[in-house]
Amino acid sequence: MSIITVAQLRSTLGVSSSLYNDAYLQDVIDAAEGTLLPLLVQNSIAITAFKLKDNVATFYSRDAHNFVAGDSVIVTGLPSPFTATHTVTGVTTLAFTAALTNADVAVRPSIPNGTATLSGYGAATLYSGDPNVEKALMIISVEIFQSVTAAGGQIEGIDFQSTPYRMGRGLLNRCIGLLGSKIDSGVWIG
C-alpha cells in the first residue's frame, strides 16, 4: 500500500500513461517511500542479526523495540524462512523470539539490516492521509522522476542553472519542515 497513488504522481508530473506506464511510476513512488518512511516514527525496528535453535528463532534488534509476547510481527529483508509473519513468544530489550520450525541456524548478521514491523502498524498505515507526509513523498517522487528522466541526469533550476545534486542530502532537508515531529529522533539525517 502506497501513501500516494500513481494517479496523483501522474497528475503532478503532467505525464500520460502512454509515455510512462503505471509500473514505472509505482517504482518511483516505492523508491521515495523507501527513502523517507524509514526516517519516520513507526512501529518498526532494524534486525541486525538472527538465529534459529531448537525451533525458536531469535531476532536481534539495533535498538530497543516495543514488541510484547503475542504480537504479530512482519519480518522482511532476511533469508528464508526468517522473512515471514511471526508471533512473538518472548522479548528482551534488544531481541525477540518466535516459534519457527526449521533446521538450526547459527547467529548470522543481517547485512543490510532486516526489518520487523508490528502487523497493521507499518508507516504506510500510520501516515496514510497525513497531508504533510503525502507532500514530502510527492516532492521526493518528483525529484527522483526528474533526476532519472532529465538529460544528463541534471535538472535545470528556477534560476536556469544546472543542478546535478538534487538527489543528495538536500533532498531530505527540503522535506524536514513538512515532517516536524514525525521524524524519529533516533535516526540521523545530518
N, C-alpha and C. Protein backbone atom coordinates (compact mmCIF):
# COMPACT_ATOMS: atom_id res chain seq x y z
N MET A 1 0.84 -1.18 0.00
CA MET A 1 0.00 0.00 0.00
C MET A 1 0.89 1.25 0.00
N SER A 2 0.69 2.10 -0.94
CA SER A 2 1.45 3.34 -1.03
C SER A 2 0.64 4.49 -0.46
N ILE A 3 1.35 5.49 0.06
CA ILE A 3 0.69 6.66 0.64
C ILE A 3 0.19 7.59 -0.45
N ILE A 4 0.97 7.74 -1.52
CA ILE A 4 0.49 8.50 -2.67
C ILE A 4 0.25 7.51 -3.80
N THR A 5 -0.65 7.85 -4.70
CA THR A 5 -1.02 6.93 -5.77
C THR A 5 -0.31 7.30 -7.08
N VAL A 6 -0.31 6.36 -7.98
CA VAL A 6 0.24 6.59 -9.31
C VAL A 6 -0.53 7.72 -10.00
N ALA A 7 -1.84 7.74 -9.83
CA ALA A 7 -2.66 8.80 -10.45
C ALA A 7 -2.27 10.18 -9.92
N GLN A 8 -2.01 10.28 -8.62
CA GLN A 8 -1.60 11.56 -8.05
C GLN A 8 -0.24 12.00 -8.62
N LEU A 9 0.71 11.07 -8.68
CA LEU A 9 2.03 11.40 -9.22
C LEU A 9 1.92 11.76 -10.69
N ARG A 10 1.14 11.01 -11.44
CA ARG A 10 0.96 11.27 -12.87
C ARG A 10 0.38 12.68 -13.08
N SER A 11 -0.60 13.05 -12.28
CA SER A 11 -1.22 14.37 -12.38
C SER A 11 -0.21 15.48 -12.04
N THR A 12 0.58 15.28 -11.01
CA THR A 12 1.59 16.27 -10.61
C THR A 12 2.64 16.44 -11.70
N LEU A 13 3.08 15.32 -12.27
CA LEU A 13 4.11 15.36 -13.31
C LEU A 13 3.55 15.85 -14.65
N GLY A 14 2.26 15.65 -14.86
CA GLY A 14 1.65 16.02 -16.13
C GLY A 14 2.07 15.11 -17.26
N VAL A 15 2.23 13.82 -16.97
CA VAL A 15 2.63 12.86 -18.00
C VAL A 15 1.50 11.88 -18.26
N SER A 16 1.45 11.37 -19.47
CA SER A 16 0.39 10.43 -19.84
C SER A 16 0.83 9.00 -19.58
N SER A 17 -0.16 8.11 -19.56
CA SER A 17 0.14 6.69 -19.34
C SER A 17 0.81 6.08 -20.57
N SER A 18 0.65 6.69 -21.73
CA SER A 18 1.33 6.18 -22.92
C SER A 18 2.82 6.52 -22.89
N LEU A 19 3.17 7.55 -22.15
CA LEU A 19 4.57 7.94 -22.04
C LEU A 19 5.29 7.18 -20.91
N TYR A 20 4.65 7.11 -19.74
CA TYR A 20 5.21 6.41 -18.58
C TYR A 20 4.11 5.54 -17.99
N ASN A 21 4.31 4.22 -18.02
CA ASN A 21 3.27 3.32 -17.53
C ASN A 21 3.18 3.33 -16.00
N ASP A 22 2.10 2.75 -15.49
CA ASP A 22 1.85 2.73 -14.05
C ASP A 22 2.97 2.05 -13.28
N ALA A 23 3.50 0.96 -13.81
CA ALA A 23 4.56 0.23 -13.10
C ALA A 23 5.80 1.10 -12.92
N TYR A 24 6.15 1.87 -13.93
CA TYR A 24 7.31 2.75 -13.84
C TYR A 24 7.11 3.81 -12.75
N LEU A 25 5.94 4.44 -12.75
CA LEU A 25 5.67 5.47 -11.74
C LEU A 25 5.55 4.86 -10.34
N GLN A 26 5.04 3.63 -10.25
CA GLN A 26 4.96 2.96 -8.94
C GLN A 26 6.37 2.69 -8.41
N ASP A 27 7.31 2.35 -9.29
CA ASP A 27 8.71 2.17 -8.87
C ASP A 27 9.28 3.47 -8.30
N VAL A 28 8.93 4.59 -8.90
CA VAL A 28 9.38 5.89 -8.40
C VAL A 28 8.80 6.14 -7.01
N ILE A 29 7.51 5.87 -6.83
CA ILE A 29 6.86 6.04 -5.53
C ILE A 29 7.50 5.12 -4.49
N ASP A 30 7.74 3.87 -4.88
CA ASP A 30 8.37 2.91 -3.95
C ASP A 30 9.75 3.39 -3.52
N ALA A 31 10.51 3.97 -4.44
CA ALA A 31 11.84 4.49 -4.11
C ALA A 31 11.71 5.67 -3.14
N ALA A 32 10.74 6.53 -3.37
CA ALA A 32 10.52 7.68 -2.47
C ALA A 32 10.13 7.20 -1.07
N GLU A 33 9.24 6.22 -1.01
CA GLU A 33 8.83 5.69 0.29
C GLU A 33 9.99 4.98 0.98
N GLY A 34 10.81 4.28 0.20
CA GLY A 34 11.98 3.61 0.77
C GLY A 34 13.01 4.58 1.31
N THR A 35 12.99 5.80 0.79
CA THR A 35 13.90 6.84 1.25
C THR A 35 13.36 7.54 2.49
N LEU A 36 12.09 7.87 2.49
CA LEU A 36 11.52 8.70 3.54
C LEU A 36 10.95 7.93 4.73
N LEU A 37 10.17 6.90 4.49
CA LEU A 37 9.44 6.24 5.57
C LEU A 37 10.33 5.68 6.69
N PRO A 38 11.52 5.15 6.39
CA PRO A 38 12.35 4.67 7.49
C PRO A 38 12.79 5.77 8.46
N LEU A 39 12.68 7.02 8.05
CA LEU A 39 13.07 8.14 8.91
C LEU A 39 11.96 8.55 9.87
N LEU A 40 10.75 8.07 9.66
CA LEU A 40 9.61 8.49 10.47
C LEU A 40 9.39 7.56 11.65
N VAL A 41 8.81 8.11 12.71
CA VAL A 41 8.46 7.31 13.88
C VAL A 41 7.45 6.26 13.44
N GLN A 42 7.70 5.02 13.81
CA GLN A 42 6.80 3.94 13.45
C GLN A 42 7.05 2.74 14.34
N ASN A 43 6.25 1.73 14.17
CA ASN A 43 6.37 0.52 14.97
C ASN A 43 7.23 -0.51 14.25
N SER A 44 8.43 -0.08 13.85
CA SER A 44 9.38 -0.95 13.16
C SER A 44 10.73 -0.85 13.85
N ILE A 45 11.52 -1.87 13.66
CA ILE A 45 12.87 -1.89 14.23
C ILE A 45 13.79 -2.63 13.26
N ALA A 46 15.04 -2.19 13.21
CA ALA A 46 16.03 -2.86 12.35
C ALA A 46 16.47 -4.16 13.00
N ILE A 47 16.55 -5.20 12.21
CA ILE A 47 17.05 -6.51 12.68
C ILE A 47 18.50 -6.62 12.24
N THR A 48 19.41 -6.71 13.22
CA THR A 48 20.84 -6.74 12.92
C THR A 48 21.41 -8.15 12.84
N ALA A 49 20.73 -9.11 13.46
CA ALA A 49 21.20 -10.50 13.44
C ALA A 49 20.03 -11.42 13.76
N PHE A 50 20.22 -12.69 13.45
CA PHE A 50 19.16 -13.67 13.69
C PHE A 50 19.78 -15.04 13.91
N LYS A 51 19.03 -15.92 14.57
CA LYS A 51 19.47 -17.31 14.73
C LYS A 51 18.24 -18.18 14.91
N LEU A 52 18.45 -19.48 14.78
CA LEU A 52 17.39 -20.45 14.99
C LEU A 52 17.97 -21.63 15.74
N LYS A 53 17.44 -21.93 16.91
CA LYS A 53 17.90 -23.07 17.70
C LYS A 53 16.69 -23.76 18.31
N ASP A 54 16.60 -25.04 18.10
CA ASP A 54 15.51 -25.86 18.65
C ASP A 54 14.14 -25.28 18.31
N ASN A 55 13.96 -24.88 17.04
CA ASN A 55 12.70 -24.34 16.52
C ASN A 55 12.26 -23.04 17.19
N VAL A 56 13.22 -22.29 17.73
CA VAL A 56 12.96 -20.96 18.27
C VAL A 56 13.87 -19.97 17.55
N ALA A 57 13.24 -19.06 16.81
CA ALA A 57 14.01 -18.03 16.10
C ALA A 57 14.21 -16.85 17.04
N THR A 58 15.43 -16.32 17.04
CA THR A 58 15.74 -15.12 17.82
C THR A 58 16.15 -14.03 16.84
N PHE A 59 15.52 -12.88 16.97
CA PHE A 59 15.79 -11.72 16.13
C PHE A 59 16.41 -10.65 17.02
N TYR A 60 17.61 -10.20 16.67
CA TYR A 60 18.31 -9.18 17.45
C TYR A 60 18.09 -7.82 16.81
N SER A 61 17.65 -6.86 17.61
CA SER A 61 17.34 -5.53 17.07
C SER A 61 18.46 -4.54 17.36
N ARG A 62 18.56 -3.52 16.52
CA ARG A 62 19.57 -2.48 16.66
C ARG A 62 19.29 -1.64 17.90
N ASP A 63 18.03 -1.35 18.15
CA ASP A 63 17.61 -0.52 19.27
C ASP A 63 16.53 -1.25 20.06
N ALA A 64 16.15 -0.67 21.19
CA ALA A 64 15.06 -1.25 21.97
C ALA A 64 13.78 -1.24 21.13
N HIS A 65 13.02 -2.30 21.23
CA HIS A 65 11.75 -2.41 20.49
C HIS A 65 10.59 -2.36 21.48
N ASN A 66 9.39 -2.24 20.95
CA ASN A 66 8.19 -2.18 21.79
C ASN A 66 7.31 -3.41 21.65
N PHE A 67 7.85 -4.49 21.11
CA PHE A 67 7.05 -5.70 20.92
C PHE A 67 6.83 -6.40 22.26
N VAL A 68 5.68 -7.06 22.37
CA VAL A 68 5.38 -7.87 23.54
C VAL A 68 4.92 -9.25 23.08
N ALA A 69 4.99 -10.22 23.98
CA ALA A 69 4.58 -11.58 23.64
C ALA A 69 3.13 -11.55 23.14
N GLY A 70 2.91 -12.26 22.04
CA GLY A 70 1.60 -12.32 21.42
C GLY A 70 1.44 -11.39 20.23
N ASP A 71 2.32 -10.41 20.08
CA ASP A 71 2.26 -9.51 18.93
C ASP A 71 2.53 -10.28 17.64
N SER A 72 1.87 -9.86 16.58
CA SER A 72 2.14 -10.38 15.25
C SER A 72 3.10 -9.40 14.59
N VAL A 73 4.27 -9.90 14.18
CA VAL A 73 5.34 -9.05 13.66
C VAL A 73 5.70 -9.54 12.26
N ILE A 74 5.77 -8.59 11.32
CA ILE A 74 6.15 -8.91 9.95
C ILE A 74 7.65 -8.66 9.80
N VAL A 75 8.41 -9.71 9.53
CA VAL A 75 9.86 -9.61 9.37
C VAL A 75 10.16 -9.66 7.87
N THR A 76 10.94 -8.68 7.39
CA THR A 76 11.32 -8.64 5.98
C THR A 76 12.83 -8.41 5.87
N GLY A 77 13.36 -8.73 4.71
CA GLY A 77 14.76 -8.46 4.43
C GLY A 77 15.72 -9.50 4.97
N LEU A 78 15.22 -10.62 5.47
CA LEU A 78 16.08 -11.71 5.94
C LEU A 78 15.89 -12.91 5.02
N PRO A 79 16.83 -13.85 5.05
CA PRO A 79 16.67 -15.03 4.20
C PRO A 79 15.51 -15.91 4.67
N SER A 80 15.08 -16.79 3.78
CA SER A 80 14.05 -17.76 4.11
C SER A 80 14.62 -18.71 5.18
N PRO A 81 13.88 -19.13 6.11
CA PRO A 81 12.46 -18.94 6.42
C PRO A 81 12.19 -17.80 7.40
N PHE A 82 13.17 -16.95 7.66
CA PHE A 82 13.01 -15.89 8.65
C PHE A 82 12.07 -14.77 8.19
N THR A 83 12.10 -14.47 6.87
CA THR A 83 11.20 -13.45 6.33
C THR A 83 9.80 -14.04 6.30
N ALA A 84 8.96 -13.58 7.21
CA ALA A 84 7.60 -14.10 7.35
C ALA A 84 6.90 -13.29 8.43
N THR A 85 5.64 -13.60 8.66
CA THR A 85 4.92 -13.02 9.79
C THR A 85 5.06 -13.99 10.96
N HIS A 86 5.52 -13.48 12.08
CA HIS A 86 5.78 -14.30 13.26
C HIS A 86 4.95 -13.79 14.44
N THR A 87 4.62 -14.70 15.35
CA THR A 87 4.00 -14.32 16.62
C THR A 87 5.10 -14.31 17.67
N VAL A 88 5.27 -13.17 18.33
CA VAL A 88 6.32 -13.01 19.33
C VAL A 88 6.02 -13.91 20.53
N THR A 89 7.02 -14.71 20.93
CA THR A 89 6.85 -15.60 22.09
C THR A 89 7.62 -15.13 23.31
N GLY A 90 8.64 -14.32 23.11
CA GLY A 90 9.43 -13.81 24.22
C GLY A 90 10.17 -12.56 23.81
N VAL A 91 10.50 -11.73 24.80
CA VAL A 91 11.20 -10.48 24.50
C VAL A 91 12.28 -10.18 25.52
N THR A 92 13.33 -9.51 25.05
CA THR A 92 14.30 -8.82 25.89
C THR A 92 14.40 -7.42 25.29
N THR A 93 15.21 -6.59 25.88
CA THR A 93 15.30 -5.21 25.39
C THR A 93 15.72 -5.14 23.93
N LEU A 94 16.70 -5.97 23.51
CA LEU A 94 17.24 -5.89 22.16
C LEU A 94 17.03 -7.16 21.35
N ALA A 95 16.03 -7.95 21.70
CA ALA A 95 15.75 -9.17 20.94
C ALA A 95 14.32 -9.62 21.20
N PHE A 96 13.81 -10.41 20.27
CA PHE A 96 12.53 -11.08 20.49
C PHE A 96 12.60 -12.45 19.84
N THR A 97 11.76 -13.37 20.31
CA THR A 97 11.77 -14.73 19.81
C THR A 97 10.41 -15.08 19.22
N ALA A 98 10.43 -16.11 18.37
CA ALA A 98 9.21 -16.61 17.75
C ALA A 98 9.43 -18.08 17.40
N ALA A 99 8.37 -18.85 17.40
CA ALA A 99 8.45 -20.26 17.02
C ALA A 99 8.66 -20.34 15.51
N LEU A 100 9.61 -21.18 15.10
CA LEU A 100 9.89 -21.37 13.68
C LEU A 100 10.48 -22.76 13.51
N THR A 101 9.78 -23.60 12.77
CA THR A 101 10.24 -24.97 12.57
C THR A 101 11.15 -25.04 11.36
N ASN A 102 12.41 -25.36 11.62
CA ASN A 102 13.41 -25.46 10.57
C ASN A 102 14.69 -25.98 11.20
N ALA A 103 15.67 -26.29 10.39
CA ALA A 103 16.97 -26.71 10.90
C ALA A 103 17.63 -25.52 11.62
N ASP A 104 18.47 -25.84 12.61
CA ASP A 104 19.17 -24.80 13.36
C ASP A 104 20.03 -23.94 12.44
N VAL A 105 20.11 -22.66 12.78
CA VAL A 105 20.94 -21.69 12.05
C VAL A 105 21.73 -20.93 13.11
N ALA A 106 23.05 -20.94 12.97
CA ALA A 106 23.89 -20.19 13.91
C ALA A 106 23.63 -18.70 13.77
N VAL A 107 24.01 -17.93 14.77
CA VAL A 107 23.82 -16.48 14.72
C VAL A 107 24.49 -15.93 13.47
N ARG A 108 23.71 -15.17 12.72
CA ARG A 108 24.23 -14.54 11.49
C ARG A 108 23.88 -13.07 11.50
N PRO A 109 24.82 -12.22 11.11
CA PRO A 109 24.48 -10.80 10.99
C PRO A 109 23.59 -10.59 9.77
N SER A 110 22.76 -9.58 9.84
CA SER A 110 21.89 -9.25 8.73
C SER A 110 22.42 -7.98 8.07
N ILE A 111 23.07 -8.17 6.93
CA ILE A 111 23.64 -7.05 6.19
C ILE A 111 23.07 -7.09 4.78
N PRO A 112 22.28 -6.12 4.35
CA PRO A 112 21.79 -4.99 5.14
C PRO A 112 20.80 -5.47 6.19
N ASN A 113 20.48 -4.61 7.14
CA ASN A 113 19.57 -4.98 8.22
C ASN A 113 18.21 -5.36 7.67
N GLY A 114 17.59 -6.33 8.34
CA GLY A 114 16.21 -6.65 8.05
C GLY A 114 15.32 -5.69 8.83
N THR A 115 14.02 -5.88 8.73
CA THR A 115 13.08 -5.02 9.43
C THR A 115 11.98 -5.86 10.06
N ALA A 116 11.59 -5.50 11.28
CA ALA A 116 10.45 -6.12 11.94
C ALA A 116 9.43 -5.01 12.20
N THR A 117 8.20 -5.23 11.74
CA THR A 117 7.15 -4.22 11.87
C THR A 117 5.93 -4.85 12.52
N LEU A 118 5.38 -4.16 13.50
CA LEU A 118 4.16 -4.63 14.15
C LEU A 118 3.05 -4.70 13.09
N SER A 119 2.44 -5.85 12.93
CA SER A 119 1.44 -6.07 11.90
C SER A 119 0.30 -5.05 12.03
N GLY A 120 -0.02 -4.41 10.90
CA GLY A 120 -1.09 -3.43 10.87
C GLY A 120 -0.66 -2.03 11.28
N TYR A 121 0.61 -1.86 11.63
CA TYR A 121 1.08 -0.56 12.11
C TYR A 121 2.32 -0.09 11.36
N GLY A 122 2.46 -0.46 10.10
CA GLY A 122 3.57 0.00 9.29
C GLY A 122 3.42 1.47 8.96
N ALA A 123 4.49 2.07 8.47
CA ALA A 123 4.48 3.50 8.16
C ALA A 123 3.39 3.86 7.16
N ALA A 124 3.16 3.02 6.16
CA ALA A 124 2.13 3.33 5.16
C ALA A 124 0.76 3.41 5.81
N THR A 125 0.49 2.59 6.79
CA THR A 125 -0.78 2.63 7.50
C THR A 125 -0.85 3.84 8.43
N LEU A 126 0.24 4.07 9.17
CA LEU A 126 0.25 5.17 10.14
C LEU A 126 0.14 6.53 9.49
N TYR A 127 0.76 6.71 8.32
CA TYR A 127 0.85 8.04 7.72
C TYR A 127 -0.04 8.24 6.50
N SER A 128 -0.84 7.23 6.15
CA SER A 128 -1.77 7.38 5.04
C SER A 128 -2.79 8.45 5.40
N GLY A 129 -2.98 9.42 4.53
CA GLY A 129 -3.91 10.50 4.79
C GLY A 129 -3.28 11.69 5.51
N ASP A 130 -2.01 11.57 5.89
CA ASP A 130 -1.32 12.70 6.54
C ASP A 130 -0.83 13.63 5.44
N PRO A 131 -1.38 14.84 5.33
CA PRO A 131 -1.04 15.71 4.22
C PRO A 131 0.44 16.10 4.16
N ASN A 132 1.09 16.24 5.30
CA ASN A 132 2.50 16.61 5.30
C ASN A 132 3.38 15.49 4.77
N VAL A 133 3.09 14.26 5.16
CA VAL A 133 3.86 13.12 4.67
C VAL A 133 3.57 12.92 3.18
N GLU A 134 2.32 13.08 2.78
CA GLU A 134 1.98 12.95 1.36
C GLU A 134 2.74 13.98 0.52
N LYS A 135 2.80 15.22 0.98
CA LYS A 135 3.52 16.27 0.23
C LYS A 135 5.01 15.96 0.17
N ALA A 136 5.59 15.51 1.29
CA ALA A 136 7.02 15.18 1.30
C ALA A 136 7.30 14.03 0.34
N LEU A 137 6.43 13.02 0.32
CA LEU A 137 6.61 11.91 -0.62
C LEU A 137 6.45 12.36 -2.06
N MET A 138 5.54 13.28 -2.30
CA MET A 138 5.36 13.79 -3.66
C MET A 138 6.60 14.55 -4.11
N ILE A 139 7.16 15.37 -3.21
CA ILE A 139 8.38 16.13 -3.55
C ILE A 139 9.51 15.16 -3.91
N ILE A 140 9.70 14.16 -3.10
CA ILE A 140 10.79 13.20 -3.34
C ILE A 140 10.52 12.40 -4.61
N SER A 141 9.26 12.00 -4.84
CA SER A 141 8.91 11.25 -6.05
C SER A 141 9.20 12.08 -7.30
N VAL A 142 8.81 13.34 -7.28
CA VAL A 142 9.05 14.21 -8.44
C VAL A 142 10.56 14.37 -8.67
N GLU A 143 11.32 14.55 -7.61
CA GLU A 143 12.77 14.70 -7.74
C GLU A 143 13.41 13.43 -8.32
N ILE A 144 12.97 12.27 -7.85
CA ILE A 144 13.50 11.01 -8.38
C ILE A 144 13.16 10.89 -9.86
N PHE A 145 11.90 11.13 -10.20
CA PHE A 145 11.47 11.05 -11.60
C PHE A 145 12.29 11.98 -12.47
N GLN A 146 12.44 13.23 -12.04
CA GLN A 146 13.16 14.21 -12.85
C GLN A 146 14.65 13.89 -12.94
N SER A 147 15.23 13.36 -11.87
CA SER A 147 16.65 13.02 -11.92
C SER A 147 16.91 11.88 -12.90
N VAL A 148 15.98 10.96 -12.99
CA VAL A 148 16.15 9.82 -13.89
C VAL A 148 15.87 10.22 -15.34
N THR A 149 14.88 11.09 -15.55
CA THR A 149 14.48 11.40 -16.92
C THR A 149 15.16 12.64 -17.51
N ALA A 150 15.78 13.48 -16.69
CA ALA A 150 16.43 14.69 -17.20
C ALA A 150 17.66 14.33 -18.03
N ALA A 151 17.87 15.08 -19.08
CA ALA A 151 19.04 14.85 -19.94
C ALA A 151 20.31 14.99 -19.13
N GLY A 152 21.16 13.98 -19.19
CA GLY A 152 22.42 14.01 -18.45
C GLY A 152 22.23 13.90 -16.95
N GLY A 153 21.01 13.59 -16.48
CA GLY A 153 20.74 13.48 -15.05
C GLY A 153 20.77 14.80 -14.33
N GLN A 154 20.71 15.91 -15.06
CA GLN A 154 20.78 17.23 -14.44
C GLN A 154 19.49 18.00 -14.70
N ILE A 155 18.94 18.53 -13.64
CA ILE A 155 17.71 19.29 -13.73
C ILE A 155 18.06 20.77 -13.73
N GLU A 156 17.32 21.53 -14.51
CA GLU A 156 17.56 22.97 -14.53
C GLU A 156 16.70 23.61 -13.46
N GLY A 157 17.33 24.39 -12.58
CA GLY A 157 16.62 25.05 -11.51
C GLY A 157 15.84 26.25 -12.00
N ILE A 158 15.09 26.86 -11.09
CA ILE A 158 14.27 28.03 -11.42
C ILE A 158 15.12 29.19 -11.91
N ASP A 159 16.41 29.21 -11.52
CA ASP A 159 17.32 30.28 -11.95
C ASP A 159 18.06 29.89 -13.24
N PHE A 160 17.60 28.83 -13.90
CA PHE A 160 18.15 28.33 -15.15
C PHE A 160 19.57 27.77 -15.00
N GLN A 161 19.96 27.46 -13.78
CA GLN A 161 21.26 26.86 -13.52
C GLN A 161 21.08 25.35 -13.42
N SER A 162 22.03 24.61 -13.93
CA SER A 162 22.01 23.16 -13.84
C SER A 162 22.21 22.76 -12.37
N THR A 163 21.42 21.80 -11.89
CA THR A 163 21.51 21.38 -10.50
C THR A 163 21.74 19.87 -10.44
N PRO A 164 22.98 19.42 -10.48
CA PRO A 164 23.25 17.99 -10.53
C PRO A 164 23.11 17.27 -9.20
N TYR A 165 22.96 17.98 -8.10
CA TYR A 165 22.95 17.32 -6.79
C TYR A 165 21.58 17.29 -6.14
N ARG A 166 20.53 17.25 -6.90
CA ARG A 166 19.17 17.28 -6.35
C ARG A 166 18.86 16.02 -5.55
N MET A 167 19.58 14.95 -5.81
CA MET A 167 19.31 13.70 -5.10
C MET A 167 20.22 13.53 -3.87
N GLY A 168 20.95 14.54 -3.48
CA GLY A 168 21.83 14.47 -2.32
C GLY A 168 21.07 14.70 -1.02
N ARG A 169 21.82 15.01 0.03
CA ARG A 169 21.23 15.26 1.35
C ARG A 169 20.18 16.36 1.33
N GLY A 170 20.37 17.32 0.45
CA GLY A 170 19.44 18.43 0.37
C GLY A 170 18.02 18.00 0.07
N LEU A 171 17.86 16.86 -0.59
CA LEU A 171 16.52 16.36 -0.91
C LEU A 171 15.71 16.15 0.36
N LEU A 172 16.26 15.45 1.33
CA LEU A 172 15.54 15.23 2.58
C LEU A 172 15.43 16.52 3.39
N ASN A 173 16.48 17.33 3.35
CA ASN A 173 16.44 18.58 4.11
C ASN A 173 15.31 19.49 3.63
N ARG A 174 14.97 19.44 2.33
CA ARG A 174 13.87 20.25 1.82
C ARG A 174 12.52 19.78 2.35
N CYS A 175 12.45 18.55 2.86
CA CYS A 175 11.19 18.00 3.34
C CYS A 175 11.06 18.01 4.86
N ILE A 176 12.14 18.25 5.58
CA ILE A 176 12.13 18.15 7.03
C ILE A 176 11.09 19.08 7.65
N GLY A 177 10.95 20.28 7.13
CA GLY A 177 9.98 21.22 7.68
C GLY A 177 8.55 20.69 7.61
N LEU A 178 8.24 19.90 6.60
CA LEU A 178 6.90 19.32 6.48
C LEU A 178 6.66 18.22 7.51
N LEU A 179 7.72 17.56 7.91
CA LEU A 179 7.57 16.35 8.71
C LEU A 179 7.62 16.59 10.22
N GLY A 180 8.25 17.68 10.64
CA GLY A 180 8.27 18.07 12.05
C GLY A 180 8.49 16.94 13.03
N SER A 181 7.52 16.74 13.91
CA SER A 181 7.65 15.76 14.99
C SER A 181 7.53 14.32 14.52
N LYS A 182 7.29 14.10 13.25
CA LYS A 182 7.16 12.73 12.74
C LYS A 182 8.51 12.06 12.52
N ILE A 183 9.59 12.86 12.50
CA ILE A 183 10.93 12.30 12.30
C ILE A 183 11.35 11.56 13.56
N ASP A 184 11.83 10.36 13.39
CA ASP A 184 12.32 9.55 14.50
C ASP A 184 13.61 10.17 15.03
N SER A 185 13.63 10.54 16.29
CA SER A 185 14.81 11.20 16.86
C SER A 185 16.03 10.28 16.93
N GLY A 186 15.81 8.98 16.78
CA GLY A 186 16.93 8.04 16.79
C GLY A 186 17.58 7.86 15.43
N VAL A 187 17.05 8.52 14.41
CA VAL A 187 17.58 8.40 13.05
C VAL A 187 18.39 9.64 12.74
N TRP A 188 19.63 9.44 12.30
CA TRP A 188 20.49 10.57 11.95
C TRP A 188 20.23 10.96 10.53
N ILE A 189 19.93 12.24 10.28
CA ILE A 189 19.68 12.72 8.92
C ILE A 189 20.83 13.56 8.44
N GLY A 190 21.39 14.39 9.33
CA GLY A 190 22.51 15.28 9.13
C GLY A 190 22.91 15.55 7.79
